[in-house]
Amino acid sequence: MRFVPLFLLAALAVTRADEVKLQPIFNGTDLSGWKVPDGNAEKGWYKAAAGVLKLQSDPTLKGSILWTEKSYRNFVIAFDFKFGAGIVDSGIHIRNNDQIQIGISGSLKRDMTGSPYVGKYPVEAKGVAALLKQNDWNSMKIEARGLRYQVWLNGQQVLDYTSETGIPEGPIGIQLHGNKEMAIDYRDLKAAELP
């Protein structure tokens, strides 16, 4: 009888995020599959247009989050984003109020793209300034396994962080900060659950 070392079995059991098949979570035509914030129908803060999820804020918006109807435990999400007009303050919420920032931090007044926001910024993503394209599409991948969050920007890992405030299960959210004029576009939003 042959014995397989336990560490080898454990390594084989872990599915790498780049090996899973990502599925679209935004169909490009409407907001099906998402919990739309109150007032969106009148204001049009979140809307689908030509395959793009367009976010537009204004001084009357107090801030809102577009949540998936589905809840996730361990997951990976990948998407493209492009900054529009104004000082953009957006982000991806991971199951609750933990967020991966995209754009300018309202509190720090500087770009914190790829960094975790948990009521504060406990760490800052590395190497973002050299990777971030201000006037073109950027790609981002976020992997959330338990309380560990890893972020890749334009193919380069910029963050590996373990949260103290996360929760084990919840929806994915796309945040649009209020009280000012700003716009950001998202496209090719895809996600997959991880074991």
N, C-alpha and C. Protein backbone atom coordinates (compact mmCIF):
# COMPACT_ATOMS: atom_id res chain seq x y z
N MET A 1 0.85 -1.18 0.00
CA MET A 1 0.00 0.00 0.00
C MET A 1 0.89 1.24 0.00
N ARG A 2 0.55 2.19 -0.83
CA ARG A 2 1.31 3.44 -0.90
C ARG A 2 0.63 4.49 -0.04
N PHE A 3 1.42 5.27 0.65
CA PHE A 3 0.91 6.36 1.47
C PHE A 3 1.20 7.68 0.79
N VAL A 4 0.20 8.53 0.69
CA VAL A 4 0.38 9.86 0.12
C VAL A 4 0.52 10.84 1.28
N PRO A 5 1.57 11.63 1.28
CA PRO A 5 1.74 12.58 2.37
C PRO A 5 0.51 13.48 2.53
N LEU A 6 0.16 13.75 3.78
CA LEU A 6 -1.02 14.56 4.09
C LEU A 6 -0.95 15.94 3.45
N PHE A 7 0.22 16.57 3.45
CA PHE A 7 0.33 17.92 2.87
C PHE A 7 0.04 17.89 1.37
N LEU A 8 0.37 16.78 0.70
CA LEU A 8 0.09 16.68 -0.73
C LEU A 8 -1.41 16.57 -0.97
N LEU A 9 -2.09 15.79 -0.14
CA LEU A 9 -3.55 15.70 -0.27
C LEU A 9 -4.21 17.05 -0.02
N ALA A 10 -3.73 17.77 0.99
CA ALA A 10 -4.30 19.10 1.29
C ALA A 10 -4.07 20.05 0.12
N ALA A 11 -2.88 19.99 -0.46
CA ALA A 11 -2.58 20.87 -1.60
C ALA A 11 -3.47 20.55 -2.78
N LEU A 12 -3.74 19.27 -3.01
CA LEU A 12 -4.60 18.89 -4.13
C LEU A 12 -6.05 19.30 -3.89
N ALA A 13 -6.47 19.37 -2.62
CA ALA A 13 -7.86 19.69 -2.30
C ALA A 13 -8.16 21.17 -2.45
N VAL A 14 -7.16 22.02 -2.36
CA VAL A 14 -7.38 23.46 -2.48
C VAL A 14 -7.51 23.84 -3.95
N THR A 15 -8.62 24.44 -4.30
CA THR A 15 -8.83 24.89 -5.66
C THR A 15 -8.28 26.29 -5.81
N ARG A 16 -7.43 26.48 -6.78
CA ARG A 16 -6.91 27.82 -7.04
C ARG A 16 -7.98 28.65 -7.73
N ALA A 17 -8.01 29.93 -7.37
CA ALA A 17 -9.03 30.83 -7.93
C ALA A 17 -8.93 30.94 -9.43
N ASP A 18 -7.71 30.82 -9.99
CA ASP A 18 -7.58 30.95 -11.44
C ASP A 18 -7.97 29.67 -12.17
N GLU A 19 -8.34 28.62 -11.42
CA GLU A 19 -8.78 27.37 -12.04
C GLU A 19 -10.30 27.24 -12.08
N VAL A 20 -11.03 28.11 -11.39
CA VAL A 20 -12.48 28.02 -11.37
C VAL A 20 -13.05 28.78 -12.56
N LYS A 21 -14.25 28.37 -12.97
CA LYS A 21 -14.92 29.04 -14.08
C LYS A 21 -15.77 30.18 -13.54
N LEU A 22 -15.39 31.39 -13.89
CA LEU A 22 -16.15 32.56 -13.46
C LEU A 22 -17.43 32.68 -14.27
N GLN A 23 -18.50 33.04 -13.60
CA GLN A 23 -19.80 33.22 -14.24
C GLN A 23 -20.21 34.69 -14.18
N PRO A 24 -20.84 35.21 -15.22
CA PRO A 24 -21.29 36.61 -15.18
C PRO A 24 -22.28 36.85 -14.04
N ILE A 25 -22.10 37.96 -13.33
CA ILE A 25 -23.07 38.38 -12.31
C ILE A 25 -23.77 39.67 -12.72
N PHE A 26 -23.40 40.18 -13.87
CA PHE A 26 -24.07 41.34 -14.48
C PHE A 26 -24.29 40.99 -15.94
N ASN A 27 -25.57 41.03 -16.37
CA ASN A 27 -25.90 40.57 -17.73
C ASN A 27 -25.67 41.62 -18.80
N GLY A 28 -25.33 42.85 -18.43
CA GLY A 28 -25.02 43.88 -19.40
C GLY A 28 -26.22 44.64 -19.92
N THR A 29 -27.44 44.18 -19.59
CA THR A 29 -28.63 44.84 -20.12
C THR A 29 -29.55 45.43 -19.06
N ASP A 30 -29.53 44.86 -17.84
CA ASP A 30 -30.36 45.39 -16.76
C ASP A 30 -29.74 44.98 -15.42
N LEU A 31 -30.43 45.27 -14.33
CA LEU A 31 -29.89 45.00 -13.00
C LEU A 31 -30.49 43.74 -12.38
N SER A 32 -30.86 42.77 -13.21
CA SER A 32 -31.35 41.49 -12.71
C SER A 32 -30.26 40.83 -11.87
N GLY A 33 -30.68 40.25 -10.74
CA GLY A 33 -29.74 39.59 -9.85
C GLY A 33 -29.13 40.51 -8.81
N TRP A 34 -29.57 41.77 -8.80
CA TRP A 34 -29.04 42.76 -7.87
C TRP A 34 -30.17 43.39 -7.07
N LYS A 35 -29.89 43.75 -5.82
CA LYS A 35 -30.83 44.49 -4.99
C LYS A 35 -30.56 45.97 -5.22
N VAL A 36 -31.48 46.61 -5.91
CA VAL A 36 -31.29 48.00 -6.34
C VAL A 36 -31.69 48.95 -5.20
N PRO A 37 -30.86 49.94 -4.89
CA PRO A 37 -31.20 50.89 -3.81
C PRO A 37 -32.47 51.68 -4.11
N ASP A 38 -33.18 52.04 -3.05
CA ASP A 38 -34.36 52.89 -3.19
C ASP A 38 -33.97 54.20 -3.85
N GLY A 39 -34.81 54.67 -4.75
CA GLY A 39 -34.57 55.94 -5.43
C GLY A 39 -33.81 55.81 -6.74
N ASN A 40 -33.28 54.61 -7.02
CA ASN A 40 -32.48 54.44 -8.23
C ASN A 40 -33.30 54.65 -9.50
N ALA A 41 -34.56 54.22 -9.49
CA ALA A 41 -35.39 54.34 -10.69
C ALA A 41 -35.54 55.81 -11.11
N GLU A 42 -35.65 56.71 -10.13
CA GLU A 42 -35.81 58.13 -10.43
C GLU A 42 -34.49 58.80 -10.75
N LYS A 43 -33.44 58.45 -10.03
CA LYS A 43 -32.15 59.14 -10.15
C LYS A 43 -31.19 58.48 -11.14
N GLY A 44 -31.32 57.18 -11.35
CA GLY A 44 -30.45 56.50 -12.30
C GLY A 44 -29.00 56.41 -11.86
N TRP A 45 -28.77 56.19 -10.57
CA TRP A 45 -27.40 56.10 -10.07
C TRP A 45 -26.70 54.87 -10.62
N TYR A 46 -27.43 53.77 -10.70
CA TYR A 46 -26.90 52.52 -11.25
C TYR A 46 -27.74 52.17 -12.48
N LYS A 47 -27.08 52.00 -13.63
CA LYS A 47 -27.85 51.61 -14.81
C LYS A 47 -26.96 50.82 -15.77
N ALA A 48 -27.61 49.98 -16.55
CA ALA A 48 -26.92 49.19 -17.56
C ALA A 48 -27.06 49.89 -18.91
N ALA A 49 -25.94 49.96 -19.65
CA ALA A 49 -25.95 50.58 -20.98
C ALA A 49 -24.85 49.94 -21.82
N ALA A 50 -25.26 49.27 -22.88
CA ALA A 50 -24.31 48.69 -23.86
C ALA A 50 -23.27 47.80 -23.18
N GLY A 51 -23.73 46.96 -22.25
CA GLY A 51 -22.84 46.01 -21.61
C GLY A 51 -22.04 46.56 -20.44
N VAL A 52 -22.28 47.82 -20.09
CA VAL A 52 -21.52 48.49 -19.03
C VAL A 52 -22.46 48.83 -17.88
N LEU A 53 -22.00 48.60 -16.64
CA LEU A 53 -22.71 49.05 -15.46
C LEU A 53 -22.19 50.45 -15.13
N LYS A 54 -23.05 51.44 -15.32
CA LYS A 54 -22.66 52.84 -15.17
C LYS A 54 -23.15 53.35 -13.81
N LEU A 55 -22.23 53.90 -13.03
CA LEU A 55 -22.55 54.49 -11.74
C LEU A 55 -22.35 55.99 -11.83
N GLN A 56 -23.35 56.73 -11.39
CA GLN A 56 -23.31 58.19 -11.46
C GLN A 56 -23.87 58.75 -10.17
N SER A 57 -23.08 59.54 -9.46
CA SER A 57 -23.52 60.13 -8.20
C SER A 57 -23.81 61.61 -8.39
N ASP A 58 -24.46 62.18 -7.39
CA ASP A 58 -24.74 63.61 -7.39
C ASP A 58 -24.85 64.09 -5.94
N PRO A 59 -24.92 65.38 -5.74
CA PRO A 59 -24.97 65.91 -4.37
C PRO A 59 -26.18 65.47 -3.56
N THR A 60 -27.24 64.97 -4.21
CA THR A 60 -28.42 64.55 -3.47
C THR A 60 -28.33 63.10 -2.98
N LEU A 61 -27.38 62.34 -3.49
CA LEU A 61 -27.24 60.93 -3.09
C LEU A 61 -26.47 60.86 -1.79
N LYS A 62 -26.99 60.12 -0.83
CA LYS A 62 -26.34 60.00 0.47
C LYS A 62 -25.35 58.84 0.50
N GLY A 63 -25.17 58.15 -0.59
CA GLY A 63 -24.30 56.97 -0.63
C GLY A 63 -25.16 55.74 -0.69
N SER A 64 -24.79 54.79 -1.52
CA SER A 64 -25.60 53.59 -1.64
C SER A 64 -24.72 52.43 -2.13
N ILE A 65 -25.28 51.24 -1.98
CA ILE A 65 -24.58 50.03 -2.39
C ILE A 65 -25.54 49.18 -3.21
N LEU A 66 -25.07 48.70 -4.32
CA LEU A 66 -25.80 47.76 -5.16
C LEU A 66 -25.34 46.37 -4.75
N TRP A 67 -26.22 45.59 -4.10
CA TRP A 67 -25.86 44.28 -3.56
C TRP A 67 -26.32 43.16 -4.49
N THR A 68 -25.53 42.09 -4.57
CA THR A 68 -26.00 40.91 -5.27
C THR A 68 -27.14 40.29 -4.46
N GLU A 69 -28.07 39.67 -5.16
CA GLU A 69 -29.13 38.94 -4.46
C GLU A 69 -28.57 37.68 -3.82
N LYS A 70 -27.52 37.15 -4.38
CA LYS A 70 -26.90 35.92 -3.90
C LYS A 70 -25.89 36.23 -2.80
N SER A 71 -25.79 35.34 -1.82
CA SER A 71 -24.77 35.44 -0.79
C SER A 71 -23.60 34.52 -1.12
N TYR A 72 -22.42 34.89 -0.66
CA TYR A 72 -21.20 34.14 -0.94
C TYR A 72 -20.44 33.90 0.36
N ARG A 73 -19.72 32.78 0.40
CA ARG A 73 -18.76 32.51 1.48
C ARG A 73 -17.38 32.82 0.90
N ASN A 74 -16.68 31.79 0.46
CA ASN A 74 -15.41 31.99 -0.24
C ASN A 74 -15.71 32.24 -1.70
N PHE A 75 -15.07 33.26 -2.29
CA PHE A 75 -15.38 33.59 -3.68
C PHE A 75 -14.25 34.36 -4.32
N VAL A 76 -14.32 34.43 -5.64
CA VAL A 76 -13.46 35.31 -6.42
C VAL A 76 -14.38 36.14 -7.32
N ILE A 77 -14.07 37.42 -7.45
CA ILE A 77 -14.79 38.30 -8.37
C ILE A 77 -13.75 38.99 -9.26
N ALA A 78 -14.05 39.08 -10.54
CA ALA A 78 -13.16 39.76 -11.48
C ALA A 78 -14.00 40.71 -12.33
N PHE A 79 -13.42 41.85 -12.69
CA PHE A 79 -14.16 42.86 -13.45
C PHE A 79 -13.18 43.89 -13.99
N ASP A 80 -13.70 44.72 -14.88
CA ASP A 80 -12.96 45.89 -15.37
C ASP A 80 -13.66 47.13 -14.84
N PHE A 81 -12.89 48.18 -14.61
CA PHE A 81 -13.47 49.46 -14.21
C PHE A 81 -12.73 50.60 -14.90
N LYS A 82 -13.46 51.70 -15.08
CA LYS A 82 -12.89 52.89 -15.71
C LYS A 82 -13.44 54.12 -15.01
N PHE A 83 -12.54 54.99 -14.58
CA PHE A 83 -12.96 56.22 -13.91
C PHE A 83 -13.64 57.15 -14.89
N GLY A 84 -14.69 57.83 -14.41
CA GLY A 84 -15.36 58.83 -15.20
C GLY A 84 -15.09 60.21 -14.62
N ALA A 85 -16.10 61.07 -14.69
CA ALA A 85 -15.96 62.45 -14.23
C ALA A 85 -15.91 62.52 -12.71
N GLY A 86 -15.32 63.59 -12.21
CA GLY A 86 -15.31 63.87 -10.78
C GLY A 86 -14.22 63.12 -10.03
N ILE A 87 -14.26 63.25 -8.72
CA ILE A 87 -13.33 62.55 -7.84
C ILE A 87 -14.03 61.27 -7.41
N VAL A 88 -13.63 60.16 -8.01
CA VAL A 88 -14.34 58.89 -7.85
C VAL A 88 -13.98 58.23 -6.53
N ASP A 89 -15.02 57.83 -5.78
CA ASP A 89 -14.89 57.10 -4.52
C ASP A 89 -15.87 55.95 -4.58
N SER A 90 -15.37 54.78 -4.97
CA SER A 90 -16.21 53.60 -5.13
C SER A 90 -15.51 52.42 -4.47
N GLY A 91 -16.08 51.25 -4.63
CA GLY A 91 -15.43 50.07 -4.07
C GLY A 91 -16.31 48.85 -4.12
N ILE A 92 -15.70 47.71 -3.81
CA ILE A 92 -16.39 46.42 -3.79
C ILE A 92 -16.49 45.97 -2.35
N HIS A 93 -17.73 45.76 -1.89
CA HIS A 93 -17.97 45.30 -0.53
C HIS A 93 -17.91 43.77 -0.50
N ILE A 94 -17.24 43.27 0.54
CA ILE A 94 -17.04 41.84 0.69
C ILE A 94 -17.92 41.35 1.83
N ARG A 95 -19.12 40.91 1.50
CA ARG A 95 -20.07 40.28 2.41
C ARG A 95 -20.69 41.21 3.45
N ASN A 96 -20.08 42.34 3.73
CA ASN A 96 -20.62 43.29 4.72
C ASN A 96 -19.99 44.66 4.47
N ASN A 97 -19.56 45.32 5.50
CA ASN A 97 -18.99 46.65 5.34
C ASN A 97 -17.50 46.65 4.99
N ASP A 98 -16.83 45.49 5.03
CA ASP A 98 -15.45 45.43 4.54
C ASP A 98 -15.48 45.75 3.05
N GLN A 99 -14.58 46.58 2.61
CA GLN A 99 -14.60 47.06 1.23
C GLN A 99 -13.19 47.12 0.66
N ILE A 100 -13.07 46.80 -0.61
CA ILE A 100 -11.84 47.06 -1.35
C ILE A 100 -12.07 48.36 -2.11
N GLN A 101 -11.30 49.37 -1.77
CA GLN A 101 -11.47 50.71 -2.32
C GLN A 101 -11.11 50.77 -3.81
N ILE A 102 -11.86 51.57 -4.55
CA ILE A 102 -11.53 51.91 -5.93
C ILE A 102 -11.66 53.42 -6.04
N GLY A 103 -10.53 54.08 -6.23
CA GLY A 103 -10.52 55.52 -6.39
C GLY A 103 -10.02 56.25 -5.15
N ILE A 104 -10.42 57.51 -5.07
CA ILE A 104 -9.94 58.42 -4.03
C ILE A 104 -10.69 58.18 -2.72
N SER A 105 -9.94 58.01 -1.65
CA SER A 105 -10.54 57.90 -0.32
C SER A 105 -11.09 59.26 0.09
N GLY A 106 -12.36 59.28 0.49
CA GLY A 106 -12.96 60.52 0.95
C GLY A 106 -12.30 61.04 2.21
N SER A 107 -11.83 60.14 3.06
CA SER A 107 -11.22 60.58 4.32
C SER A 107 -9.75 60.95 4.16
N LEU A 108 -9.00 60.22 3.33
CA LEU A 108 -7.56 60.49 3.17
C LEU A 108 -7.25 61.44 2.02
N LYS A 109 -8.24 61.66 1.14
CA LYS A 109 -8.07 62.59 0.01
C LYS A 109 -6.94 62.16 -0.94
N ARG A 110 -6.75 60.83 -1.10
CA ARG A 110 -5.77 60.33 -2.06
C ARG A 110 -6.21 58.96 -2.54
N ASP A 111 -5.64 58.52 -3.65
CA ASP A 111 -6.05 57.25 -4.25
C ASP A 111 -5.65 56.08 -3.36
N MET A 112 -6.62 55.24 -3.04
CA MET A 112 -6.38 54.05 -2.21
C MET A 112 -6.88 52.79 -2.92
N THR A 113 -6.91 52.82 -4.25
CA THR A 113 -7.39 51.69 -5.03
C THR A 113 -6.68 50.40 -4.61
N GLY A 114 -7.48 49.35 -4.39
CA GLY A 114 -6.96 48.05 -4.02
C GLY A 114 -6.77 47.85 -2.53
N SER A 115 -6.94 48.91 -1.74
CA SER A 115 -6.73 48.83 -0.29
C SER A 115 -8.04 48.46 0.42
N PRO A 116 -7.93 47.76 1.56
CA PRO A 116 -9.14 47.43 2.31
C PRO A 116 -9.59 48.61 3.16
N TYR A 117 -10.89 48.87 3.15
CA TYR A 117 -11.46 49.88 4.04
C TYR A 117 -12.40 49.15 4.99
N VAL A 118 -12.13 49.26 6.29
CA VAL A 118 -12.92 48.57 7.32
C VAL A 118 -13.28 49.58 8.42
N GLY A 119 -13.72 50.77 8.00
CA GLY A 119 -13.93 51.86 8.92
C GLY A 119 -12.68 52.71 9.04
N LYS A 120 -11.59 52.18 8.54
CA LYS A 120 -10.28 52.82 8.45
C LYS A 120 -9.49 52.01 7.41
N TYR A 121 -8.30 52.48 7.08
CA TYR A 121 -7.43 51.75 6.17
C TYR A 121 -6.30 51.11 6.99
N PRO A 122 -6.41 49.82 7.34
CA PRO A 122 -5.39 49.19 8.17
C PRO A 122 -4.06 48.97 7.43
N VAL A 123 -4.13 48.80 6.11
CA VAL A 123 -2.94 48.64 5.27
C VAL A 123 -3.23 49.31 3.93
N GLU A 124 -2.18 49.52 3.14
CA GLU A 124 -2.35 50.11 1.82
C GLU A 124 -1.85 49.14 0.77
N ALA A 125 -2.61 49.01 -0.32
CA ALA A 125 -2.18 48.17 -1.44
C ALA A 125 -0.84 48.67 -1.97
N LYS A 126 -0.02 47.74 -2.46
CA LYS A 126 1.34 48.07 -2.90
C LYS A 126 1.44 48.18 -4.43
N GLY A 127 2.18 49.18 -4.90
CA GLY A 127 2.50 49.30 -6.32
C GLY A 127 1.37 49.79 -7.20
N VAL A 128 0.30 50.30 -6.62
CA VAL A 128 -0.87 50.70 -7.40
C VAL A 128 -0.57 51.87 -8.34
N ALA A 129 0.18 52.84 -7.90
CA ALA A 129 0.43 54.04 -8.72
C ALA A 129 1.03 53.69 -10.08
N ALA A 130 1.90 52.68 -10.12
CA ALA A 130 2.54 52.30 -11.37
C ALA A 130 1.62 51.48 -12.28
N LEU A 131 0.57 50.90 -11.71
CA LEU A 131 -0.32 50.01 -12.46
C LEU A 131 -1.63 50.67 -12.90
N LEU A 132 -2.12 51.63 -12.13
CA LEU A 132 -3.45 52.18 -12.34
C LEU A 132 -3.50 53.11 -13.54
N LYS A 133 -4.47 52.85 -14.43
CA LYS A 133 -4.68 53.70 -15.61
C LYS A 133 -5.85 54.65 -15.32
N GLN A 134 -5.59 55.93 -15.36
CA GLN A 134 -6.61 56.92 -15.01
C GLN A 134 -7.64 57.13 -16.11
N ASN A 135 -7.26 56.95 -17.36
CA ASN A 135 -8.17 57.25 -18.47
C ASN A 135 -8.46 56.06 -19.37
N ASP A 136 -8.34 54.86 -18.80
CA ASP A 136 -8.58 53.65 -19.58
C ASP A 136 -9.14 52.58 -18.65
N TRP A 137 -9.49 51.45 -19.23
CA TRP A 137 -10.01 50.35 -18.44
C TRP A 137 -8.90 49.68 -17.63
N ASN A 138 -9.23 49.34 -16.39
CA ASN A 138 -8.37 48.59 -15.50
C ASN A 138 -9.05 47.27 -15.17
N SER A 139 -8.29 46.23 -14.94
CA SER A 139 -8.87 44.97 -14.49
C SER A 139 -8.54 44.75 -13.03
N MET A 140 -9.48 44.18 -12.30
CA MET A 140 -9.26 43.85 -10.89
C MET A 140 -9.83 42.48 -10.60
N LYS A 141 -9.12 41.74 -9.78
CA LYS A 141 -9.61 40.46 -9.28
C LYS A 141 -9.46 40.49 -7.76
N ILE A 142 -10.53 40.08 -7.07
CA ILE A 142 -10.54 40.02 -5.61
C ILE A 142 -10.88 38.60 -5.22
N GLU A 143 -10.04 38.01 -4.39
CA GLU A 143 -10.30 36.68 -3.86
C GLU A 143 -10.54 36.80 -2.37
N ALA A 144 -11.66 36.27 -1.90
CA ALA A 144 -12.00 36.30 -0.48
C ALA A 144 -12.17 34.87 0.01
N ARG A 145 -11.22 34.41 0.81
CA ARG A 145 -11.29 33.08 1.44
C ARG A 145 -11.31 33.30 2.94
N GLY A 146 -12.45 33.05 3.54
CA GLY A 146 -12.58 33.37 4.95
C GLY A 146 -12.38 34.86 5.14
N LEU A 147 -11.48 35.23 6.02
CA LEU A 147 -11.20 36.63 6.27
C LEU A 147 -9.97 37.13 5.53
N ARG A 148 -9.42 36.29 4.66
CA ARG A 148 -8.24 36.69 3.88
C ARG A 148 -8.69 37.24 2.53
N TYR A 149 -8.25 38.47 2.23
CA TYR A 149 -8.58 39.14 0.98
C TYR A 149 -7.30 39.35 0.18
N GLN A 150 -7.32 38.91 -1.08
CA GLN A 150 -6.20 39.15 -1.98
C GLN A 150 -6.74 39.92 -3.19
N VAL A 151 -5.94 40.88 -3.67
CA VAL A 151 -6.37 41.75 -4.76
C VAL A 151 -5.27 41.81 -5.82
N TRP A 152 -5.70 41.70 -7.09
CA TRP A 152 -4.82 41.87 -8.25
C TRP A 152 -5.34 43.03 -9.07
N LEU A 153 -4.45 43.93 -9.47
CA LEU A 153 -4.78 45.07 -10.32
C LEU A 153 -3.99 44.93 -11.61
N ASN A 154 -4.70 44.88 -12.73
CA ASN A 154 -4.06 44.73 -14.04
C ASN A 154 -3.03 43.60 -14.05
N GLY A 155 -3.43 42.47 -13.42
CA GLY A 155 -2.62 41.25 -13.45
C GLY A 155 -1.55 41.14 -12.38
N GLN A 156 -1.36 42.17 -11.56
CA GLN A 156 -0.33 42.15 -10.53
C GLN A 156 -0.97 42.17 -9.14
N GLN A 157 -0.50 41.27 -8.27
CA GLN A 157 -1.05 41.26 -6.91
C GLN A 157 -0.59 42.50 -6.16
N VAL A 158 -1.56 43.18 -5.55
CA VAL A 158 -1.26 44.42 -4.81
C VAL A 158 -1.65 44.34 -3.34
N LEU A 159 -2.39 43.28 -2.95
CA LEU A 159 -2.84 43.19 -1.56
C LEU A 159 -2.99 41.73 -1.14
N ASP A 160 -2.57 41.46 0.10
CA ASP A 160 -2.84 40.19 0.79
C ASP A 160 -3.09 40.59 2.25
N TYR A 161 -4.35 40.55 2.67
CA TYR A 161 -4.75 41.12 3.96
C TYR A 161 -5.74 40.20 4.64
N THR A 162 -5.62 40.06 5.95
CA THR A 162 -6.57 39.29 6.75
C THR A 162 -7.37 40.26 7.61
N SER A 163 -8.68 40.24 7.42
CA SER A 163 -9.58 41.18 8.10
C SER A 163 -9.86 40.73 9.53
N GLU A 164 -10.10 41.71 10.38
CA GLU A 164 -10.55 41.44 11.74
C GLU A 164 -12.04 41.76 11.89
N THR A 165 -12.66 42.28 10.83
CA THR A 165 -14.05 42.73 10.92
C THR A 165 -14.99 42.02 9.95
N GLY A 166 -14.47 41.13 9.13
CA GLY A 166 -15.28 40.45 8.13
C GLY A 166 -16.26 39.46 8.74
N ILE A 167 -17.18 39.01 7.92
CA ILE A 167 -18.13 37.97 8.33
C ILE A 167 -18.02 36.82 7.33
N PRO A 168 -18.46 35.61 7.72
CA PRO A 168 -18.23 34.44 6.87
C PRO A 168 -19.10 34.35 5.62
N GLU A 169 -20.23 35.02 5.60
CA GLU A 169 -21.12 34.89 4.44
C GLU A 169 -21.93 36.15 4.26
N GLY A 170 -22.17 36.51 2.99
CA GLY A 170 -22.98 37.67 2.67
C GLY A 170 -22.87 38.00 1.20
N PRO A 171 -23.59 39.02 0.74
CA PRO A 171 -23.57 39.39 -0.67
C PRO A 171 -22.32 40.20 -1.03
N ILE A 172 -22.13 40.38 -2.32
CA ILE A 172 -21.09 41.26 -2.85
C ILE A 172 -21.76 42.59 -3.18
N GLY A 173 -21.12 43.69 -2.85
CA GLY A 173 -21.71 44.99 -3.11
C GLY A 173 -20.80 45.89 -3.92
N ILE A 174 -21.43 46.76 -4.71
CA ILE A 174 -20.69 47.79 -5.45
C ILE A 174 -21.14 49.13 -4.88
N GLN A 175 -20.19 49.84 -4.28
CA GLN A 175 -20.50 51.08 -3.57
C GLN A 175 -20.32 52.30 -4.46
N LEU A 176 -21.25 53.22 -4.31
CA LEU A 176 -21.16 54.52 -4.96
C LEU A 176 -21.28 55.57 -3.87
N HIS A 177 -20.23 56.33 -3.67
CA HIS A 177 -20.23 57.34 -2.62
C HIS A 177 -21.11 58.51 -3.04
N GLY A 178 -21.79 59.08 -2.09
CA GLY A 178 -22.71 60.18 -2.37
C GLY A 178 -22.14 61.55 -2.09
N ASN A 179 -23.01 62.52 -2.19
CA ASN A 179 -22.75 63.91 -1.83
C ASN A 179 -21.84 64.68 -2.78
N LYS A 180 -21.52 64.12 -3.93
CA LYS A 180 -20.69 64.85 -4.89
C LYS A 180 -20.89 64.24 -6.28
N GLU A 181 -20.50 65.01 -7.28
CA GLU A 181 -20.59 64.53 -8.66
C GLU A 181 -19.42 63.58 -8.95
N MET A 182 -19.74 62.39 -9.41
CA MET A 182 -18.71 61.43 -9.81
C MET A 182 -19.34 60.34 -10.66
N ALA A 183 -18.50 59.69 -11.46
CA ALA A 183 -18.97 58.60 -12.31
C ALA A 183 -17.88 57.55 -12.44
N ILE A 184 -18.29 56.29 -12.52
CA ILE A 184 -17.37 55.18 -12.76
C ILE A 184 -18.15 54.10 -13.51
N ASP A 185 -17.47 53.42 -14.42
CA ASP A 185 -18.07 52.34 -15.18
C ASP A 185 -17.43 51.01 -14.79
N TYR A 186 -18.27 49.95 -14.76
CA TYR A 186 -17.81 48.59 -14.53
C TYR A 186 -18.30 47.74 -15.70
N ARG A 187 -17.50 46.74 -16.07
CA ARG A 187 -17.94 45.80 -17.10
C ARG A 187 -17.33 44.42 -16.81
N ASP A 188 -17.87 43.41 -17.49
CA ASP A 188 -17.38 42.03 -17.37
C ASP A 188 -17.30 41.58 -15.91
N LEU A 189 -18.33 41.89 -15.14
CA LEU A 189 -18.37 41.45 -13.74
C LEU A 189 -18.67 39.96 -13.70
N LYS A 190 -17.72 39.19 -13.16
CA LYS A 190 -17.87 37.74 -13.07
C LYS A 190 -17.43 37.28 -11.70
N ALA A 191 -18.04 36.20 -11.22
CA ALA A 191 -17.68 35.68 -9.91
C ALA A 191 -17.81 34.16 -9.90
N ALA A 192 -17.19 33.55 -8.91
CA ALA A 192 -17.31 32.11 -8.69
C ALA A 192 -17.12 31.84 -7.22
N GLU A 193 -17.85 30.84 -6.73
CA GLU A 193 -17.66 30.41 -5.36
C GLU A 193 -16.44 29.50 -5.30
N LEU A 194 -15.72 29.60 -4.20
CA LEU A 194 -14.54 28.78 -3.97
C LEU A 194 -14.83 27.82 -2.82
N PRO A 195 -14.18 26.66 -2.83
CA PRO A 195 -14.41 25.70 -1.72
C PRO A 195 -13.87 26.23 -0.40
